[in-house]
Amino acid sequence: MRVIAIASQKGGSGKTTLAGHLAVQAERSGNGSVAMIDTDPQGSLADWWNEREQPTPVFVHTSTPRLEQDIEQLRSLGIDLLFIDTPPAITATISDVVRVSDLVVIPTRPSPHDLRSVGRTVELVEALSKPLVFVVNGATQRARITSEAAIALSQHGTLAPSIIHQRVDFAASMIDGRTVMELDSLSRSAKEITKLWDYLKTRMERNMRSPSIGTGGTSMSAAGTSELDRVHGQDTN
């Protein structure tokens, strides 16, 4: 079983929406049985799943002290993929989740404030020697800061080639427990999620074959870097 954590210190980065969509897309792509865990006290992923008509991906109720034990049980039950949503703050919970993960996905909105907050998450992941992938999420079409953010993030780790843009269908789908793929599998949003999952799957498989796993980028301090600071103050035109 492979474990994928969706983590970001910044609230509003779209972790829950991304976790639900990736879990559904992984299952739709024929990648075996998929499960989800919500470690965020707000319980947004759990709320979304409770609105779903489809019984899968399965949702697992657990607590941080039982996390490793429950993951082992899921593995013994034949679950192939597990997605874990995390709280919007650097806490002991996030450390526990990252520690048991095979890949950490860090969604980041293309704004100066979001980019400055990425550092602490990266430091945590690096300290635990886990591979990470940045995802530019909630981007505005043709906004200059989107490309600036992509350039900045790519200097400090692996950046997913699929940018997820801000669209109404993402919010609409989450209201009743669906995803954009289930609303319209041919929509631009659905194609972005499909491309993102295809990339993450390939990346994870490559990491598992590698004798040494790292972030593949330059270390980023919590205070940010010159490249990220350069993005600060840029307009969105």
C-alpha atoms as a PDB file:
ATOM      1  CA  MET A   1       0.000   0.000   0.000  1.00  0.00           C
ATOM      2  CA  ARG A   2       1.207   3.489  -0.867  1.00  0.00           C
ATOM      3  CA  VAL A   3       0.394   6.434   1.408  1.00  0.00           C
ATOM      4  CA  ILE A   4       0.046   9.962   0.032  1.00  0.00           C
ATOM      5  CA  ALA A   5      -0.210  12.921   2.395  1.00  0.00           C
ATOM      6  CA  ILE A   6      -1.703  16.258   1.357  1.00  0.00           C
ATOM      7  CA  ALA A   7      -0.018  18.833   3.567  1.00  0.00           C
ATOM      8  CA  SER A   8       0.340  22.606   3.784  1.00  0.00           C
ATOM      9  CA  GLN A   9       0.809  25.008   6.649  1.00  0.00           C
ATOM     10  CA  LYS A  10      -1.394  27.564   4.925  1.00  0.00           C
ATOM     11  CA  GLY A  11      -5.142  27.306   5.395  1.00  0.00           C
ATOM     12  CA  GLY A  12      -7.190  27.702   2.225  1.00  0.00           C
ATOM     13  CA  SER A  13      -4.613  26.007   0.013  1.00  0.00           C
ATOM     14  CA  GLY A  14      -7.211  23.532  -1.229  1.00  0.00           C
ATOM     15  CA  LYS A  15      -5.875  20.425   0.527  1.00  0.00           C
ATOM     16  CA  THR A  16      -9.270  18.833   1.133  1.00  0.00           C
ATOM     17  CA  THR A  17     -10.555  19.393  -2.395  1.00  0.00           C
ATOM     18  CA  LEU A  18      -7.326  18.011  -3.818  1.00  0.00           C
ATOM     19  CA  ALA A  19      -7.326  14.983  -1.499  1.00  0.00           C
ATOM     20  CA  GLY A  20     -10.863  14.014  -2.449  1.00  0.00           C
ATOM     21  CA  HIS A  21     -10.307  14.540  -6.148  1.00  0.00           C
ATOM     22  CA  LEU A  22      -7.036  12.610  -6.261  1.00  0.00           C
ATOM     23  CA  ALA A  23      -8.535   9.698  -4.331  1.00  0.00           C
ATOM     24  CA  VAL A  24     -11.480   9.465  -6.718  1.00  0.00           C
ATOM     25  CA  GLN A  25      -9.283   9.833  -9.795  1.00  0.00           C
ATOM     26  CA  ALA A  26      -6.898   7.145  -8.556  1.00  0.00           C
ATOM     27  CA  GLU A  27      -9.808   4.752  -8.214  1.00  0.00           C
ATOM     28  CA  ARG A  28     -11.324   5.757 -11.558  1.00  0.00           C
ATOM     29  CA  SER A  29      -7.961   5.116 -13.204  1.00  0.00           C
ATOM     30  CA  GLY A  30      -7.972   1.514 -12.060  1.00  0.00           C
ATOM     31  CA  ASN A  31      -5.259   1.823  -9.426  1.00  0.00           C
ATOM     32  CA  GLY A  32      -6.897  -0.617  -7.043  1.00  0.00           C
ATOM     33  CA  SER A  33      -8.795  -0.033  -3.828  1.00  0.00           C
ATOM     34  CA  VAL A  34      -8.463   3.470  -2.394  1.00  0.00           C
ATOM     35  CA  ALA A  35      -9.027   4.799   1.122  1.00  0.00           C
ATOM     36  CA  MET A  36      -9.001   8.247   2.725  1.00  0.00           C
ATOM     37  CA  ILE A  37      -8.244   9.527   6.209  1.00  0.00           C
ATOM     38  CA  ASP A  38      -9.011  13.023   7.525  1.00  0.00           C
ATOM     39  CA  THR A  39      -6.680  14.208  10.311  1.00  0.00           C
ATOM     40  CA  ASP A  40      -7.894  17.822  10.126  1.00  0.00           C
ATOM     41  CA  PRO A  41     -10.050  18.646  13.198  1.00  0.00           C
ATOM     42  CA  GLN A  42     -12.354  20.646  10.910  1.00  0.00           C
ATOM     43  CA  GLY A  43     -13.352  17.377   9.260  1.00  0.00           C
ATOM     44  CA  SER A  44     -14.034  18.869   5.828  1.00  0.00           C
ATOM     45  CA  LEU A  45     -13.005  15.720   3.963  1.00  0.00           C
ATOM     46  CA  ALA A  46     -15.239  13.631   6.199  1.00  0.00           C
ATOM     47  CA  ASP A  47     -18.132  16.036   5.578  1.00  0.00           C
ATOM     48  CA  TRP A  48     -17.609  15.747   1.818  1.00  0.00           C
ATOM     49  CA  TRP A  49     -17.478  11.958   1.932  1.00  0.00           C
ATOM     50  CA  ASN A  50     -20.688  11.800   3.991  1.00  0.00           C
ATOM     51  CA  GLU A  51     -22.457  13.578   1.120  1.00  0.00           C
ATOM     52  CA  ARG A  52     -21.259  11.051  -1.472  1.00  0.00           C
ATOM     53  CA  GLU A  53     -23.687   8.604  -3.000  1.00  0.00           C
ATOM     54  CA  GLN A  54     -20.831   6.345  -4.052  1.00  0.00           C
ATOM     55  CA  PRO A  55     -19.424   4.192  -1.229  1.00  0.00           C
ATOM     56  CA  THR A  56     -15.887   4.471  -2.560  1.00  0.00           C
ATOM     57  CA  PRO A  57     -13.207   5.552  -2.058  1.00  0.00           C
ATOM     58  CA  VAL A  58     -13.700   4.256   1.456  1.00  0.00           C
ATOM     59  CA  PHE A  59     -13.344   6.608   4.396  1.00  0.00           C
ATOM     60  CA  VAL A  60     -11.526   5.536   7.544  1.00  0.00           C
ATOM     61  CA  HIS A  61     -12.153   7.099  10.941  1.00  0.00           C
ATOM     62  CA  THR A  62      -9.032   7.110  13.078  1.00  0.00           C
ATOM     63  CA  SER A  63      -7.037   9.227  15.525  1.00  0.00           C
ATOM     64  CA  THR A  64      -3.398  10.215  15.562  1.00  0.00           C
ATOM     65  CA  PRO A  65      -2.400   7.717  18.296  1.00  0.00           C
ATOM     66  CA  ARG A  66      -3.943   4.907  16.227  1.00  0.00           C
ATOM     67  CA  LEU A  67      -2.710   6.104  12.847  1.00  0.00           C
ATOM     68  CA  GLU A  68       0.128   3.648  12.306  1.00  0.00           C
ATOM     69  CA  GLN A  69      -1.896   0.752  13.649  1.00  0.00           C
ATOM     70  CA  ASP A  70      -4.859   1.543  11.395  1.00  0.00           C
ATOM     71  CA  ILE A  71      -2.605   1.976   8.367  1.00  0.00           C
ATOM     72  CA  GLU A  72      -1.185  -1.489   8.952  1.00  0.00           C
ATOM     73  CA  GLN A  73      -4.706  -2.859   9.217  1.00  0.00           C
ATOM     74  CA  LEU A  74      -5.661  -1.204   5.926  1.00  0.00           C
ATOM     75  CA  ARG A  75      -2.582  -2.738   4.352  1.00  0.00           C
ATOM     76  CA  SER A  76      -3.593  -6.184   5.596  1.00  0.00           C
ATOM     77  CA  LEU A  77      -7.094  -5.673   4.185  1.00  0.00           C
ATOM     78  CA  GLY A  78      -5.679  -5.112   0.716  1.00  0.00           C
ATOM     79  CA  ILE A  79      -6.041  -1.344   0.339  1.00  0.00           C
ATOM     80  CA  ASP A  80      -3.724  -0.203  -2.445  1.00  0.00           C
ATOM     81  CA  LEU A  81      -3.699   3.573  -1.961  1.00  0.00           C
ATOM     82  CA  LEU A  82      -4.319   5.774   1.056  1.00  0.00           C
ATOM     83  CA  PHE A  83      -4.754   9.544   0.909  1.00  0.00           C
ATOM     84  CA  ILE A  84      -4.436  11.532   4.148  1.00  0.00           C
ATOM     85  CA  ASP A  85      -5.671  15.100   4.563  1.00  0.00           C
ATOM     86  CA  THR A  86      -3.862  17.123   7.240  1.00  0.00           C
ATOM     87  CA  PRO A  87      -4.508  20.187   9.446  1.00  0.00           C
ATOM     88  CA  PRO A  88      -3.597  23.687   8.151  1.00  0.00           C
ATOM     89  CA  ALA A  89      -0.776  24.169  10.654  1.00  0.00           C
ATOM     90  CA  ILE A  90       2.541  22.606  11.533  1.00  0.00           C
ATOM     91  CA  THR A  91       1.563  20.274  14.358  1.00  0.00           C
ATOM     92  CA  ALA A  92       2.586  16.921  15.755  1.00  0.00           C
ATOM     93  CA  THR A  93      -0.240  15.440  13.679  1.00  0.00           C
ATOM     94  CA  ILE A  94       1.370  16.531  10.421  1.00  0.00           C
ATOM     95  CA  SER A  95       4.702  15.089  11.536  1.00  0.00           C
ATOM     96  CA  ASP A  96       3.031  11.766  12.305  1.00  0.00           C
ATOM     97  CA  VAL A  97       1.302  11.715   8.911  1.00  0.00           C
ATOM     98  CA  VAL A  98       4.410  12.661   6.939  1.00  0.00           C
ATOM     99  CA  ARG A  99       6.410  10.017   8.780  1.00  0.00           C
ATOM    100  CA  VAL A 100       4.169   7.211   7.499  1.00  0.00           C
ATOM    101  CA  SER A 101       3.806   8.618   3.965  1.00  0.00           C
ATOM    102  CA  ASP A 102       5.465   7.545   0.745  1.00  0.00           C
ATOM    103  CA  LEU A 103       4.843  10.901  -0.937  1.00  0.00           C
ATOM    104  CA  VAL A 104       3.871  14.353   0.341  1.00  0.00           C
ATOM    105  CA  VAL A 105       1.849  16.621  -1.941  1.00  0.00           C
ATOM    106  CA  ILE A 106       2.060  20.325  -1.024  1.00  0.00           C
ATOM    107  CA  PRO A 107      -0.664  22.415  -2.681  1.00  0.00           C
ATOM    108  CA  THR A 108       0.144  26.114  -2.877  1.00  0.00           C
ATOM    109  CA  ARG A 109      -1.959  28.945  -4.193  1.00  0.00           C
ATOM    110  CA  PRO A 110       0.025  31.391  -6.368  1.00  0.00           C
ATOM    111  CA  SER A 111       0.120  34.310  -3.949  1.00  0.00           C
ATOM    112  CA  PRO A 112       3.050  35.884  -2.086  1.00  0.00           C
ATOM    113  CA  HIS A 113       1.584  34.997   1.306  1.00  0.00           C
ATOM    114  CA  ASP A 114       1.078  31.341   0.361  1.00  0.00           C
ATOM    115  CA  LEU A 115       4.560  31.063  -1.116  1.00  0.00           C
ATOM    116  CA  ARG A 116       6.165  32.522   2.005  1.00  0.00           C
ATOM    117  CA  SER A 117       4.365  29.967   4.184  1.00  0.00           C
ATOM    118  CA  VAL A 118       5.629  26.950   2.228  1.00  0.00           C
ATOM    119  CA  GLY A 119       9.026  26.876   3.922  1.00  0.00           C
ATOM    120  CA  ARG A 120       8.014  25.288   7.215  1.00  0.00           C
ATOM    121  CA  THR A 121       6.176  22.459   5.477  1.00  0.00           C
ATOM    122  CA  VAL A 122       9.186  21.784   3.277  1.00  0.00           C
ATOM    123  CA  GLU A 123      11.528  21.792   6.264  1.00  0.00           C
ATOM    124  CA  LEU A 124       9.367  19.210   8.020  1.00  0.00           C
ATOM    125  CA  VAL A 125       9.228  16.937   4.986  1.00  0.00           C
ATOM    126  CA  GLU A 126      12.978  17.238   4.398  1.00  0.00           C
ATOM    127  CA  ALA A 127      13.721  16.480   8.055  1.00  0.00           C
ATOM    128  CA  LEU A 128      11.824  13.207   7.698  1.00  0.00           C
ATOM    129  CA  SER A 129      13.518  12.431   4.344  1.00  0.00           C
ATOM    130  CA  LYS A 130      10.270  12.116   2.433  1.00  0.00           C
ATOM    131  CA  PRO A 131       9.786  12.982  -1.247  1.00  0.00           C
ATOM    132  CA  LEU A 132       7.552  15.953  -1.980  1.00  0.00           C
ATOM    133  CA  VAL A 133       5.736  17.410  -4.946  1.00  0.00           C
ATOM    134  CA  PHE A 134       4.456  20.980  -5.144  1.00  0.00           C
ATOM    135  CA  VAL A 135       1.098  21.579  -6.815  1.00  0.00           C
ATOM    136  CA  VAL A 136       0.086  25.069  -7.914  1.00  0.00           C
ATOM    137  CA  ASN A 137      -3.568  25.109  -6.906  1.00  0.00           C
ATOM    138  CA  GLY A 138      -6.408  27.608  -7.311  1.00  0.00           C
ATOM    139  CA  ALA A 139      -4.572  29.498 -10.039  1.00  0.00           C
ATOM    140  CA  THR A 140      -6.108  32.276 -12.122  1.00  0.00           C
ATOM    141  CA  GLN A 141      -5.989  31.816 -15.882  1.00  0.00           C
ATOM    142  CA  ARG A 142      -3.219  33.804 -17.586  1.00  0.00           C
ATOM    143  CA  ALA A 143      -2.164  35.536 -14.359  1.00  0.00           C
ATOM    144  CA  ARG A 144       1.514  36.444 -14.347  1.00  0.00           C
ATOM    145  CA  ILE A 145       1.952  35.441 -10.738  1.00  0.00           C
ATOM    146  CA  THR A 146       1.007  31.850 -11.609  1.00  0.00           C
ATOM    147  CA  SER A 147       4.081  31.422 -13.787  1.00  0.00           C
ATOM    148  CA  GLU A 148       6.188  33.331 -11.252  1.00  0.00           C
ATOM    149  CA  ALA A 149       5.040  30.972  -8.509  1.00  0.00           C
ATOM    150  CA  ALA A 150       5.769  27.920 -10.632  1.00  0.00           C
ATOM    151  CA  ILE A 151       9.314  29.143 -11.303  1.00  0.00           C
ATOM    152  CA  ALA A 152       9.900  29.901  -7.618  1.00  0.00           C
ATOM    153  CA  LEU A 153       8.613  26.549  -6.379  1.00  0.00           C
ATOM    154  CA  SER A 154      10.545  24.565  -8.981  1.00  0.00           C
ATOM    155  CA  GLN A 155      13.793  25.923  -7.522  1.00  0.00           C
ATOM    156  CA  HIS A 156      13.103  24.176  -4.221  1.00  0.00           C
ATOM    157  CA  GLY A 157      11.534  20.859  -5.091  1.00  0.00           C
ATOM    158  CA  THR A 158       9.633  18.902  -7.679  1.00  0.00           C
ATOM    159  CA  LEU A 159       6.740  20.804  -9.230  1.00  0.00           C
ATOM    160  CA  ALA A 160       3.822  18.924 -10.758  1.00  0.00           C
ATOM    161  CA  PRO A 161       3.361  19.919 -14.413  1.00  0.00           C
ATOM    162  CA  SER A 162      -0.424  20.125 -14.055  1.00  0.00           C
ATOM    163  CA  ILE A 163      -1.583  23.474 -12.652  1.00  0.00           C
ATOM    164  CA  ILE A 164      -5.031  23.336 -11.036  1.00  0.00           C
ATOM    165  CA  HIS A 165      -7.034  26.447 -11.897  1.00  0.00           C
ATOM    166  CA  GLN A 166      -9.743  28.110  -9.859  1.00  0.00           C
ATOM    167  CA  ARG A 167     -13.128  27.193 -11.333  1.00  0.00           C
ATOM    168  CA  VAL A 168     -16.695  27.101 -10.061  1.00  0.00           C
ATOM    169  CA  ASP A 169     -17.083  23.382 -10.791  1.00  0.00           C
ATOM    170  CA  PHE A 170     -14.597  22.469  -8.058  1.00  0.00           C
ATOM    171  CA  ALA A 171     -16.707  24.160  -5.396  1.00  0.00           C
ATOM    172  CA  ALA A 172     -19.962  22.908  -6.910  1.00  0.00           C
ATOM    173  CA  SER A 173     -18.812  19.304  -6.934  1.00  0.00           C
ATOM    174  CA  MET A 174     -17.669  19.359  -3.315  1.00  0.00           C
ATOM    175  CA  ILE A 175     -21.103  20.451  -2.089  1.00  0.00           C
ATOM    176  CA  ASP A 176     -22.761  17.098  -2.790  1.00  0.00           C
ATOM    177  CA  GLY A 177     -19.812  14.754  -2.404  1.00  0.00           C
ATOM    178  CA  ARG A 178     -18.757  14.544  -6.025  1.00  0.00           C
ATOM    179  CA  THR A 179     -15.726  15.597  -8.037  1.00  0.00           C
ATOM    180  CA  VAL A 180     -15.303  17.521 -11.277  1.00  0.00           C
ATOM    181  CA  MET A 181     -14.619  14.231 -13.049  1.00  0.00           C
ATOM    182  CA  GLU A 182     -18.026  12.967 -11.973  1.00  0.00           C
ATOM    183  CA  LEU A 183     -19.701  16.180 -13.102  1.00  0.00           C
ATOM    184  CA  ASP A 184     -18.078  16.258 -16.531  1.00  0.00           C
ATOM    185  CA  SER A 185     -15.158  13.991 -17.307  1.00  0.00           C
ATOM    186  CA  LEU A 186     -14.272  16.097 -20.370  1.00  0.00           C
ATOM    187  CA  SER A 187     -14.103  19.448 -18.569  1.00  0.00           C
ATOM    188  CA  ARG A 188     -10.846  21.372 -18.229  1.00  0.00           C
ATOM    189  CA  SER A 189     -10.887  20.845 -14.480  1.00  0.00           C
ATOM    190  CA  ALA A 190     -11.287  17.090 -14.893  1.00  0.00           C
ATOM    191  CA  LYS A 191      -8.418  16.973 -17.381  1.00  0.00           C
ATOM    192  CA  GLU A 192      -6.154  18.870 -14.961  1.00  0.00           C
ATOM    193  CA  ILE A 193      -6.889  16.423 -12.139  1.00  0.00           C
ATOM    194  CA  THR A 194      -6.373  13.462 -14.454  1.00  0.00           C
ATOM    195  CA  LYS A 195      -3.024  14.815 -15.604  1.00  0.00           C
ATOM    196  CA  LEU A 196      -1.992  15.547 -12.007  1.00  0.00           C
ATOM    197  CA  TRP A 197      -2.792  12.045 -10.791  1.00  0.00           C
ATOM    198  CA  ASP A 198      -1.012  10.449 -13.742  1.00  0.00           C
ATOM    199  CA  TYR A 199       2.080  12.460 -12.868  1.00  0.00           C
ATOM    200  CA  LEU A 200       1.914  11.723  -9.121  1.00  0.00           C
ATOM    201  CA  LYS A 201       1.511   8.013  -9.769  1.00  0.00           C
ATOM    202  CA  THR A 202       4.566   7.977 -12.036  1.00  0.00           C
ATOM    203  CA  ARG A 203       6.570  10.055  -9.575  1.00  0.00           C
ATOM    204  CA  MET A 204       5.675   7.804  -6.652  1.00  0.00           C
ATOM    205  CA  GLU A 205       6.578   4.653  -8.553  1.00  0.00           C
ATOM    206  CA  ARG A 206       9.912   6.163  -9.522  1.00  0.00           C
ATOM    207  CA  ASN A 207      10.613   7.152  -5.903  1.00  0.00           C
ATOM    208  CA  MET A 208       9.848   3.646  -4.686  1.00  0.00           C
ATOM    209  CA  ARG A 209      12.393   2.224  -7.153  1.00  0.00           C
ATOM    210  CA  SER A 210      15.062   4.744  -6.155  1.00  0.00           C
ATOM    211  CA  PRO A 211      17.645   3.604  -3.576  1.00  0.00           C
ATOM    212  CA  SER A 212      17.645   7.031  -1.962  1.00  0.00           C
ATOM    213  CA  ILE A 213      14.625   9.281  -1.685  1.00  0.00           C
ATOM    214  CA  GLY A 214      14.880  13.022  -1.363  1.00  0.00           C
ATOM    215  CA  THR A 215      12.977  16.135  -2.338  1.00  0.00           C
ATOM    216  CA  GLY A 216      15.100  16.647  -5.413  1.00  0.00           C
ATOM    217  CA  GLY A 217      15.522  20.331  -4.814  1.00  0.00           C
ATOM    218  CA  THR A 218      17.384  22.975  -2.846  1.00  0.00           C
ATOM    219  CA  SER A 219      16.547  23.341   0.836  1.00  0.00           C
ATOM    220  CA  MET A 220      14.066  26.117   1.619  1.00  0.00           C
ATOM    221  CA  SER A 221      14.212  27.975   4.913  1.00  0.00           C
ATOM    222  CA  ALA A 222      11.088  28.934   6.846  1.00  0.00           C
ATOM    223  CA  ALA A 223      11.821  32.578   6.177  1.00  0.00           C
ATOM    224  CA  GLY A 224      11.632  32.002   2.441  1.00  0.00           C
ATOM    225  CA  THR A 225      14.215  32.462  -0.274  1.00  0.00           C
ATOM    226  CA  SER A 226      15.334  35.185  -2.602  1.00  0.00           C
ATOM    227  CA  GLU A 227      13.351  33.627  -5.433  1.00  0.00           C
ATOM    228  CA  LEU A 228      10.176  33.532  -3.369  1.00  0.00           C
ATOM    229  CA  ASP A 229      10.809  37.022  -2.068  1.00  0.00           C
ATOM    230  CA  ARG A 230      11.087  38.174  -5.668  1.00  0.00           C
ATOM    231  CA  VAL A 231       7.508  37.027  -6.244  1.00  0.00           C
ATOM    232  CA  HIS A 232       6.322  39.077  -3.275  1.00  0.00           C
ATOM    233  CA  GLY A 233       4.742  42.272  -4.462  1.00  0.00           C
ATOM    234  CA  GLN A 234       4.141  41.116  -8.035  1.00  0.00           C
ATOM    235  CA  ASP A 235       0.731  41.938  -9.425  1.00  0.00           C
ATOM    236  CA  THR A 236      -1.588  39.320 -10.915  1.00  0.00           C
ATOM    237  CA  ASN A 237      -1.964  40.835 -14.373  1.00  0.00           C
END
